[in-house]
Amino acid sequence: MFGYKCSLLTDTEVITYIFDWLNRKQKLPLEDVASIIAAPFWSKIDEIERIDPEKAEKLRYFRKMM
């Protein structure tokens, strides 16, 4: 879809392409890429409340869009 050709058919290859697409093509900083690929678990509402409000809003956006 984005021009990547999966030849090894492994999870690692897919994550590498996702990383490349987010960082190089979408120009997201590494911290944001890591937040998308390894998103925090928000199983309880109090976990969200402990995060800095600005960062929590960004994480909510990533969760909705990615």
PDB file of N, CA and C in Angstrom:
ATOM      1  N   MET A   1       0.815  -1.194   0.000  1.00  0.00           N
ATOM      2  CA  MET A   1       0.000   0.000   0.000  1.00  0.00           C
ATOM      3  C   MET A   1       0.864   1.266   0.000  1.00  0.00           C
ATOM      4  N   PHE A   2       1.960   1.249   0.764  1.00  0.00           N
ATOM      5  CA  PHE A   2       2.828   2.423   0.838  1.00  0.00           C
ATOM      6  C   PHE A   2       4.144   2.205   0.103  1.00  0.00           C
ATOM      7  N   GLY A   3       4.197   1.186  -0.744  1.00  0.00           N
ATOM      8  CA  GLY A   3       5.392   0.934  -1.526  1.00  0.00           C
ATOM      9  C   GLY A   3       6.359  -0.048  -0.905  1.00  0.00           C
ATOM     10  N   TYR A   4       6.026  -0.604   0.242  1.00  0.00           N
ATOM     11  CA  TYR A   4       6.898  -1.583   0.887  1.00  0.00           C
ATOM     12  C   TYR A   4       6.583  -2.968   0.343  1.00  0.00           C
ATOM     13  N   LYS A   5       7.608  -3.771   0.173  1.00  0.00           N
ATOM     14  CA  LYS A   5       7.453  -5.145  -0.287  1.00  0.00           C
ATOM     15  C   LYS A   5       7.914  -6.080   0.828  1.00  0.00           C
ATOM     16  N   CYS A   6       7.005  -6.795   1.435  1.00  0.00           N
ATOM     17  CA  CYS A   6       7.356  -7.762   2.478  1.00  0.00           C
ATOM     18  C   CYS A   6       7.875  -9.033   1.824  1.00  0.00           C
ATOM     19  N   SER A   7       9.138  -9.326   2.058  1.00  0.00           N
ATOM     20  CA  SER A   7       9.720 -10.517   1.449  1.00  0.00           C
ATOM     21  C   SER A   7       9.999 -11.601   2.475  1.00  0.00           C
ATOM     22  N   LEU A   8      10.209 -11.228   3.722  1.00  0.00           N
ATOM     23  CA  LEU A   8      10.512 -12.222   4.755  1.00  0.00           C
ATOM     24  C   LEU A   8       9.258 -12.719   5.465  1.00  0.00           C
ATOM     25  N   LEU A   9       8.183 -11.922   5.409  1.00  0.00           N
ATOM     26  CA  LEU A   9       6.912 -12.264   6.038  1.00  0.00           C
ATOM     27  C   LEU A   9       7.052 -12.485   7.545  1.00  0.00           C
ATOM     28  N   THR A  10       7.812 -11.597   8.196  1.00  0.00           N
ATOM     29  CA  THR A  10       7.995 -11.686   9.649  1.00  0.00           C
ATOM     30  C   THR A  10       7.423 -10.446  10.315  1.00  0.00           C
ATOM     31  N   ASP A  11       7.129 -10.568  11.603  1.00  0.00           N
ATOM     32  CA  ASP A  11       6.657  -9.416  12.373  1.00  0.00           C
ATOM     33  C   ASP A  11       7.708  -8.315  12.409  1.00  0.00           C
ATOM     34  N   THR A  12       8.973  -8.704  12.513  1.00  0.00           N
ATOM     35  CA  THR A  12      10.062  -7.731  12.575  1.00  0.00           C
ATOM     36  C   THR A  12      10.104  -6.881  11.316  1.00  0.00           C
ATOM     37  N   GLU A  13       9.914  -7.498  10.176  1.00  0.00           N
ATOM     38  CA  GLU A  13       9.915  -6.760   8.921  1.00  0.00           C
ATOM     39  C   GLU A  13       8.767  -5.756   8.886  1.00  0.00           C
ATOM     40  N   VAL A  14       7.607  -6.163   9.333  1.00  0.00           N
ATOM     41  CA  VAL A  14       6.444  -5.270   9.343  1.00  0.00           C
ATOM     42  C   VAL A  14       6.679  -4.092  10.281  1.00  0.00           C
ATOM     43  N   ILE A  15       7.198  -4.351  11.482  1.00  0.00           N
ATOM     44  CA  ILE A  15       7.489  -3.275  12.443  1.00  0.00           C
ATOM     45  C   ILE A  15       8.518  -2.314  11.860  1.00  0.00           C
ATOM     46  N   THR A  16       9.512  -2.839  11.164  1.00  0.00           N
ATOM     47  CA  THR A  16      10.526  -1.986  10.532  1.00  0.00           C
ATOM     48  C   THR A  16       9.892  -1.055   9.510  1.00  0.00           C
ATOM     49  N   TYR A  17       8.983  -1.571   8.705  1.00  0.00           N
ATOM     50  CA  TYR A  17       8.295  -0.730   7.726  1.00  0.00           C
ATOM     51  C   TYR A  17       7.391   0.295   8.409  1.00  0.00           C
ATOM     52  N   ILE A  18       6.713  -0.102   9.471  1.00  0.00           N
ATOM     53  CA  ILE A  18       5.876   0.838  10.224  1.00  0.00           C
ATOM     54  C   ILE A  18       6.746   1.949  10.800  1.00  0.00           C
ATOM     55  N   PHE A  19       7.883   1.564  11.387  1.00  0.00           N
ATOM     56  CA  PHE A  19       8.804   2.541  11.962  1.00  0.00           C
ATOM     57  C   PHE A  19       9.278   3.517  10.897  1.00  0.00           C
ATOM     58  N   ASP A  20       9.688   2.986   9.750  1.00  0.00           N
ATOM     59  CA  ASP A  20      10.165   3.833   8.661  1.00  0.00           C
ATOM     60  C   ASP A  20       9.068   4.786   8.198  1.00  0.00           C
ATOM     61  N   TRP A  21       7.864   4.275   8.018  1.00  0.00           N
ATOM     62  CA  TRP A  21       6.750   5.103   7.541  1.00  0.00           C
ATOM     63  C   TRP A  21       6.442   6.229   8.516  1.00  0.00           C
ATOM     64  N   LEU A  22       6.408   5.918   9.812  1.00  0.00           N
ATOM     65  CA  LEU A  22       6.089   6.936  10.817  1.00  0.00           C
ATOM     66  C   LEU A  22       7.213   7.966  10.967  1.00  0.00           C
ATOM     67  N   ASN A  23       8.455   7.471  11.011  1.00  0.00           N
ATOM     68  CA  ASN A  23       9.578   8.369  11.276  1.00  0.00           C
ATOM     69  C   ASN A  23      10.051   9.116  10.031  1.00  0.00           C
ATOM     70  N   ARG A  24      10.352   8.399   8.978  1.00  0.00           N
ATOM     71  CA  ARG A  24      10.936   9.031   7.802  1.00  0.00           C
ATOM     72  C   ARG A  24       9.893   9.695   6.915  1.00  0.00           C
ATOM     73  N   LYS A  25       8.789   9.006   6.665  1.00  0.00           N
ATOM     74  CA  LYS A  25       7.803   9.552   5.733  1.00  0.00           C
ATOM     75  C   LYS A  25       6.805  10.496   6.390  1.00  0.00           C
ATOM     76  N   GLN A  26       6.411  10.209   7.641  1.00  0.00           N
ATOM     77  CA  GLN A  26       5.475  11.096   8.341  1.00  0.00           C
ATOM     78  C   GLN A  26       6.192  12.136   9.204  1.00  0.00           C
ATOM     79  N   LYS A  27       7.518  11.997   9.318  1.00  0.00           N
ATOM     80  CA  LYS A  27       8.373  12.954  10.036  1.00  0.00           C
ATOM     81  C   LYS A  27       8.052  13.053  11.529  1.00  0.00           C
ATOM     82  N   LEU A  28       7.601  11.959  12.126  1.00  0.00           N
ATOM     83  CA  LEU A  28       7.342  11.955  13.564  1.00  0.00           C
ATOM     84  C   LEU A  28       8.646  11.710  14.314  1.00  0.00           C
ATOM     85  N   PRO A  29       8.846  12.379  15.449  1.00  0.00           N
ATOM     86  CA  PRO A  29      10.061  12.128  16.237  1.00  0.00           C
ATOM     87  C   PRO A  29      10.043  10.708  16.821  1.00  0.00           C
ATOM     88  N   LEU A  30      11.227  10.215  17.182  1.00  0.00           N
ATOM     89  CA  LEU A  30      11.361   8.844  17.670  1.00  0.00           C
ATOM     90  C   LEU A  30      10.493   8.561  18.887  1.00  0.00           C
ATOM     91  N   GLU A  31      10.368   9.513  19.796  1.00  0.00           N
ATOM     92  CA  GLU A  31       9.539   9.311  20.993  1.00  0.00           C
ATOM     93  C   GLU A  31       8.078   9.058  20.599  1.00  0.00           C
ATOM     94  N   ASP A  32       7.585   9.801  19.614  1.00  0.00           N
ATOM     95  CA  ASP A  32       6.207   9.598  19.167  1.00  0.00           C
ATOM     96  C   ASP A  32       6.043   8.257  18.464  1.00  0.00           C
ATOM     97  N   VAL A  33       7.036   7.880  17.670  1.00  0.00           N
ATOM     98  CA  VAL A  33       6.984   6.583  16.989  1.00  0.00           C
ATOM     99  C   VAL A  33       6.914   5.464  18.029  1.00  0.00           C
ATOM    100  N   ALA A  34       7.749   5.569  19.058  1.00  0.00           N
ATOM    101  CA  ALA A  34       7.734   4.556  20.121  1.00  0.00           C
ATOM    102  C   ALA A  34       6.388   4.531  20.838  1.00  0.00           C
ATOM    103  N   SER A  35       5.781   5.698  21.036  1.00  0.00           N
ATOM    104  CA  SER A  35       4.478   5.768  21.698  1.00  0.00           C
ATOM    105  C   SER A  35       3.379   5.123  20.858  1.00  0.00           C
ATOM    106  N   ILE A  36       3.542   5.136  19.557  1.00  0.00           N
ATOM    107  CA  ILE A  36       2.555   4.516  18.668  1.00  0.00           C
ATOM    108  C   ILE A  36       2.772   3.010  18.589  1.00  0.00           C
ATOM    109  N   ILE A  37       4.018   2.597  18.386  1.00  0.00           N
ATOM    110  CA  ILE A  37       4.314   1.173  18.220  1.00  0.00           C
ATOM    111  C   ILE A  37       4.128   0.416  19.539  1.00  0.00           C
ATOM    112  N   ALA A  38       4.568   1.009  20.636  1.00  0.00           N
ATOM    113  CA  ALA A  38       4.450   0.378  21.956  1.00  0.00           C
ATOM    114  C   ALA A  38       3.559   1.260  22.824  1.00  0.00           C
ATOM    115  N   ALA A  39       2.310   1.389  22.431  1.00  0.00           N
ATOM    116  CA  ALA A  39       1.366   2.259  23.129  1.00  0.00           C
ATOM    117  C   ALA A  39       1.159   1.801  24.569  1.00  0.00           C
ATOM    118  N   PRO A  40       1.001   2.764  25.488  1.00  0.00           N
ATOM    119  CA  PRO A  40       0.750   2.385  26.883  1.00  0.00           C
ATOM    120  C   PRO A  40      -0.619   1.741  27.030  1.00  0.00           C
ATOM    121  N   PHE A  41      -0.729   0.860  28.012  1.00  0.00           N
ATOM    122  CA  PHE A  41      -2.021   0.254  28.321  1.00  0.00           C
ATOM    123  C   PHE A  41      -2.793   1.200  29.236  1.00  0.00           C
ATOM    124  N   TRP A  42      -3.999   1.495  28.861  1.00  0.00           N
ATOM    125  CA  TRP A  42      -4.841   2.366  29.672  1.00  0.00           C
ATOM    126  C   TRP A  42      -6.028   1.564  30.168  1.00  0.00           C
ATOM    127  N   SER A  43      -5.745   0.615  31.014  1.00  0.00           N
ATOM    128  CA  SER A  43      -6.811  -0.254  31.488  1.00  0.00           C
ATOM    129  C   SER A  43      -7.671   0.416  32.553  1.00  0.00           C
ATOM    130  N   LYS A  44      -7.107   1.405  33.211  1.00  0.00           N
ATOM    131  CA  LYS A  44      -7.850   2.103  34.256  1.00  0.00           C
ATOM    132  C   LYS A  44      -7.790   3.599  33.990  1.00  0.00           C
ATOM    133  N   ILE A  45      -8.851   4.286  34.288  1.00  0.00           N
ATOM    134  CA  ILE A  45      -8.915   5.734  34.052  1.00  0.00           C
ATOM    135  C   ILE A  45      -7.867   6.481  34.866  1.00  0.00           C
ATOM    136  N   ASP A  46      -7.500   5.993  36.050  1.00  0.00           N
ATOM    137  CA  ASP A  46      -6.517   6.702  36.871  1.00  0.00           C
ATOM    138  C   ASP A  46      -5.131   6.690  36.240  1.00  0.00           C
ATOM    139  N   GLU A  47      -4.834   5.700  35.375  1.00  0.00           N
ATOM    140  CA  GLU A  47      -3.550   5.693  34.676  1.00  0.00           C
ATOM    141  C   GLU A  47      -3.452   6.884  33.729  1.00  0.00           C
ATOM    142  N   ILE A  48      -4.554   7.228  33.095  1.00  0.00           N
ATOM    143  CA  ILE A  48      -4.592   8.376  32.192  1.00  0.00           C
ATOM    144  C   ILE A  48      -4.408   9.669  32.983  1.00  0.00           C
ATOM    145  N   GLU A  49      -5.024   9.731  34.149  1.00  0.00           N
ATOM    146  CA  GLU A  49      -4.953  10.940  34.970  1.00  0.00           C
ATOM    147  C   GLU A  49      -3.536  11.234  35.466  1.00  0.00           C
ATOM    148  N   ARG A  50      -2.692  10.221  35.586  1.00  0.00           N
ATOM    149  CA  ARG A  50      -1.327  10.427  36.081  1.00  0.00           C
ATOM    150  C   ARG A  50      -0.372  10.943  35.018  1.00  0.00           C
ATOM    151  N   ILE A  51      -0.765  10.878  33.769  1.00  0.00           N
ATOM    152  CA  ILE A  51       0.084  11.344  32.668  1.00  0.00           C
ATOM    153  C   ILE A  51      -0.108  12.843  32.493  1.00  0.00           C
ATOM    154  N   ASP A  52       0.967  13.529  32.121  1.00  0.00           N
ATOM    155  CA  ASP A  52       0.907  14.957  31.815  1.00  0.00           C
ATOM    156  C   ASP A  52      -0.229  15.202  30.823  1.00  0.00           C
ATOM    157  N   PRO A  53      -1.105  16.190  31.076  1.00  0.00           N
ATOM    158  CA  PRO A  53      -2.278  16.399  30.211  1.00  0.00           C
ATOM    159  C   PRO A  53      -1.942  16.570  28.727  1.00  0.00           C
ATOM    160  N   GLU A  54      -0.870  17.272  28.423  1.00  0.00           N
ATOM    161  CA  GLU A  54      -0.487  17.472  27.020  1.00  0.00           C
ATOM    162  C   GLU A  54      -0.075  16.144  26.370  1.00  0.00           C
ATOM    163  N   LYS A  55       0.709  15.362  27.098  1.00  0.00           N
ATOM    164  CA  LYS A  55       1.130  14.061  26.574  1.00  0.00           C
ATOM    165  C   LYS A  55      -0.068  13.110  26.467  1.00  0.00           C
ATOM    166  N   ALA A  56      -0.960  13.155  27.437  1.00  0.00           N
ATOM    167  CA  ALA A  56      -2.149  12.303  27.398  1.00  0.00           C
ATOM    168  C   ALA A  56      -3.006  12.620  26.180  1.00  0.00           C
ATOM    169  N   GLU A  57      -3.132  13.886  25.857  1.00  0.00           N
ATOM    170  CA  GLU A  57      -3.916  14.281  24.686  1.00  0.00           C
ATOM    171  C   GLU A  57      -3.267  13.764  23.397  1.00  0.00           C
ATOM    172  N   LYS A  58      -1.940  13.853  23.337  1.00  0.00           N
ATOM    173  CA  LYS A  58      -1.223  13.335  22.167  1.00  0.00           C
ATOM    174  C   LYS A  58      -1.410  11.831  22.049  1.00  0.00           C
ATOM    175  N   LEU A  59      -1.334  11.122  23.167  1.00  0.00           N
ATOM    176  CA  LEU A  59      -1.522   9.669  23.152  1.00  0.00           C
ATOM    177  C   LEU A  59      -2.952   9.307  22.742  1.00  0.00           C
ATOM    178  N   ARG A  60      -3.919  10.084  23.179  1.00  0.00           N
ATOM    179  CA  ARG A  60      -5.311   9.847  22.764  1.00  0.00           C
ATOM    180  C   ARG A  60      -5.453  10.044  21.241  1.00  0.00           C
ATOM    181  N   TYR A  61      -4.804  11.073  20.726  1.00  0.00           N
ATOM    182  CA  TYR A  61      -4.828  11.323  19.288  1.00  0.00           C
ATOM    183  C   TYR A  61      -4.208  10.149  18.525  1.00  0.00           C
ATOM    184  N   PHE A  62      -3.017   9.693  18.974  1.00  0.00           N
ATOM    185  CA  PHE A  62      -2.366   8.573  18.317  1.00  0.00           C
ATOM    186  C   PHE A  62      -3.263   7.349  18.345  1.00  0.00           C
ATOM    187  N   ARG A  63      -3.898   7.104  19.484  1.00  0.00           N
ATOM    188  CA  ARG A  63      -4.751   5.929  19.612  1.00  0.00           C
ATOM    189  C   ARG A  63      -5.918   5.977  18.628  1.00  0.00           C
ATOM    190  N   LYS A  64      -6.482   7.151  18.423  1.00  0.00           N
ATOM    191  CA  LYS A  64      -7.602   7.303  17.496  1.00  0.00           C
ATOM    192  C   LYS A  64      -7.161   7.204  16.039  1.00  0.00           C
ATOM    193  N   MET A  65      -6.022   7.787  15.724  1.00  0.00           N
ATOM    194  CA  MET A  65      -5.602   7.917  14.330  1.00  0.00           C
ATOM    195  C   MET A  65      -4.735   6.754  13.838  1.00  0.00           C
ATOM    196  N   MET A  66      -4.041   6.100  14.714  1.00  0.00           N
ATOM    197  CA  MET A  66      -3.119   5.056  14.271  1.00  0.00           C
ATOM    198  C   MET A  66      -3.664   3.691  14.607  1.00  0.00           C
TER     199      MET A  66
END
